[in-house]
C-alpha atoms as a PDB file:
ATOM      1  CA  UNK A   1      81.456 163.666  97.205  1.00  0.00           C
ATOM      2  CA  UNK A   2      80.414 160.314  95.408  1.00  0.00           C
ATOM      3  CA  UNK A   3      79.078 157.566  97.642  1.00  0.00           C
ATOM      4  CA  UNK A   4      77.552 154.169  96.818  1.00  0.00           C
ATOM      5  CA  UNK A   5      75.074 152.511  99.134  1.00  0.00           C
ATOM      6  CA  UNK A   6      75.474 149.215  97.405  1.00  0.00           C
ATOM      7  CA  UNK A   7      78.020 146.871  98.475  1.00  0.00           C
ATOM      8  CA  UNK A   8      80.593 146.132  95.514  1.00  0.00           C
ATOM      9  CA  UNK A   9      83.150 143.935  97.465  1.00  0.00           C
ATOM     10  CA  UNK A  10      82.865 141.715 100.557  1.00  0.00           C
ATOM     11  CA  UNK A  11      86.124 143.042 102.236  1.00  0.00           C
ATOM     12  CA  UNK A  12      86.724 146.449 103.981  1.00  0.00           C
ATOM     13  CA  UNK A  13      89.884 148.278 102.704  1.00  0.00           C
ATOM     14  CA  UNK A  14      91.064 151.849 101.944  1.00  0.00           C
ATOM     15  CA  UNK A  15      92.934 153.143  98.978  1.00  0.00           C
ATOM     16  CA  UNK A  16      94.865 156.361  99.532  1.00  0.00           C
ATOM     17  CA  UNK A  17      96.180 158.677  96.572  1.00  0.00           C
ATOM     18  CA  UNK A  18      98.242 161.590  97.328  1.00  0.00           C
ATOM     19  CA  UNK A  19      98.379 163.564  94.119  1.00  0.00           C
ATOM     20  CA  UNK A  20     101.263 165.501  92.941  1.00  0.00           C
ATOM     21  CA  UNK A  21      99.060 168.463  92.263  1.00  0.00           C
ATOM     22  CA  UNK A  22      95.778 169.499  93.490  1.00  0.00           C
ATOM     23  CA  UNK A  23      92.669 168.735  91.372  1.00  0.00           C
ATOM     24  CA  UNK A  24      89.036 170.536  91.706  1.00  0.00           C
ATOM     25  CA  UNK A  25      86.761 168.035  93.190  1.00  0.00           C
ATOM     26  CA  UNK A  26      83.075 169.714  92.940  1.00  0.00           C
ATOM     27  CA  UNK A  27      84.336 173.165  94.091  1.00  0.00           C
ATOM     28  CA  UNK A  28      87.380 172.206  96.323  1.00  0.00           C
ATOM     29  CA  UNK A  29      90.971 171.794  95.824  1.00  0.00           C
ATOM     30  CA  UNK A  30      91.827 168.188  96.723  1.00  0.00           C
ATOM     31  CA  UNK A  31      95.189 166.677  96.834  1.00  0.00           C
ATOM     32  CA  UNK A  32      94.563 163.452  98.991  1.00  0.00           C
ATOM     33  CA  UNK A  33      91.819 161.098  98.029  1.00  0.00           C
ATOM     34  CA  UNK A  34      90.576 158.195 100.032  1.00  0.00           C
ATOM     35  CA  UNK A  35      88.607 155.539  98.441  1.00  0.00           C
ATOM     36  CA  UNK A  36      86.815 153.321 101.021  1.00  0.00           C
ATOM     37  CA  UNK A  37      85.153 149.754 100.625  1.00  0.00           C
ATOM     38  CA  UNK A  38      83.356 148.899 103.753  1.00  0.00           C
ATOM     39  CA  UNK A  39      82.217 145.128 104.087  1.00  0.00           C
ATOM     40  CA  UNK A  40      78.546 144.595 104.308  1.00  0.00           C
ATOM     41  CA  UNK A  41      79.101 142.241 107.144  1.00  0.00           C
ATOM     42  CA  UNK A  42      82.327 143.347 109.081  1.00  0.00           C
ATOM     43  CA  UNK A  43      81.844 146.398 111.254  1.00  0.00           C
ATOM     44  CA  UNK A  44      83.795 145.785 114.469  1.00  0.00           C
ATOM     45  CA  UNK A  45      85.931 148.813 114.437  1.00  0.00           C
ATOM     46  CA  UNK A  46      84.087 150.904 111.861  1.00  0.00           C
ATOM     47  CA  UNK A  47      83.268 153.841 114.260  1.00  0.00           C
ATOM     48  CA  UNK A  48      87.156 154.053 115.263  1.00  0.00           C
ATOM     49  CA  UNK A  49      88.104 153.989 111.457  1.00  0.00           C
ATOM     50  CA  UNK A  50      85.622 156.995 110.964  1.00  0.00           C
ATOM     51  CA  UNK A  51      86.876 158.890 113.888  1.00  0.00           C
ATOM     52  CA  UNK A  52      90.564 158.381 112.858  1.00  0.00           C
ATOM     53  CA  UNK A  53      89.987 159.208 109.190  1.00  0.00           C
ATOM     54  CA  UNK A  54      87.798 162.086 109.783  1.00  0.00           C
ATOM     55  CA  UNK A  55      90.421 163.569 112.410  1.00  0.00           C
ATOM     56  CA  UNK A  56      93.087 163.072 109.824  1.00  0.00           C
ATOM     57  CA  UNK A  57      91.220 164.785 106.970  1.00  0.00           C
ATOM     58  CA  UNK A  58      90.170 167.710 109.219  1.00  0.00           C
ATOM     59  CA  UNK A  59      93.928 168.338 110.351  1.00  0.00           C
ATOM     60  CA  UNK A  60      95.415 170.690 107.948  1.00  0.00           C
ATOM     61  CA  UNK A  61      98.843 170.231 109.236  1.00  0.00           C
ATOM     62  CA  UNK A  62      98.804 166.616 109.039  1.00  0.00           C
ATOM     63  CA  UNK A  63      97.467 166.593 105.445  1.00  0.00           C
ATOM     64  CA  UNK A  64     100.338 168.965 104.761  1.00  0.00           C
ATOM     65  CA  UNK A  65     102.779 166.603 106.354  1.00  0.00           C
ATOM     66  CA  UNK A  66     101.186 163.656 104.240  1.00  0.00           C
ATOM     67  CA  UNK A  67     101.663 165.663 100.928  1.00  0.00           C
ATOM     68  CA  UNK A  68     105.173 166.449 101.788  1.00  0.00           C
ATOM     69  CA  UNK A  69     106.201 162.718 102.806  1.00  0.00           C
ATOM     70  CA  UNK A  70     103.457 160.555 100.933  1.00  0.00           C
ATOM     71  CA  UNK A  71     104.432 157.258 102.012  1.00  0.00           C
ATOM     72  CA  UNK A  72     102.595 154.415 103.988  1.00  0.00           C
ATOM     73  CA  UNK A  73     104.493 154.831 107.153  1.00  0.00           C
ATOM     74  CA  UNK A  74     103.915 158.570 107.380  1.00  0.00           C
ATOM     75  CA  UNK A  75     100.229 157.987 106.537  1.00  0.00           C
ATOM     76  CA  UNK A  76      99.937 155.326 109.637  1.00  0.00           C
ATOM     77  CA  UNK A  77     101.678 157.681 111.881  1.00  0.00           C
ATOM     78  CA  UNK A  78      99.409 160.686 110.881  1.00  0.00           C
ATOM     79  CA  UNK A  79      96.339 158.543 111.034  1.00  0.00           C
ATOM     80  CA  UNK A  80      96.961 157.084 114.554  1.00  0.00           C
ATOM     81  CA  UNK A  81      97.916 160.523 116.085  1.00  0.00           C
ATOM     82  CA  UNK A  82      95.790 161.506 119.068  1.00  0.00           C
ATOM     83  CA  UNK A  83      93.519 164.421 118.195  1.00  0.00           C
ATOM     84  CA  UNK A  84      90.815 166.324 119.968  1.00  0.00           C
ATOM     85  CA  UNK A  85      87.444 165.970 117.917  1.00  0.00           C
END
């Protein structure tokens, strides 16, 4: 996983890509990619964001559902599901 410790933007945002076919990322097959930009000054709900995205990325069924229906509404629905972490 590539990460940067230097702030590039002043806004917090997430870009999500659901690929038509998996690619190899390091040694793993990946079909959903999330690029995250965290504001250097805005951290109000950062822990909530991390908990929700980690829960989603660890939920194989939810990822399969996102791949099957890769649209914004489905992504938000899956992201907001209650999960036991």
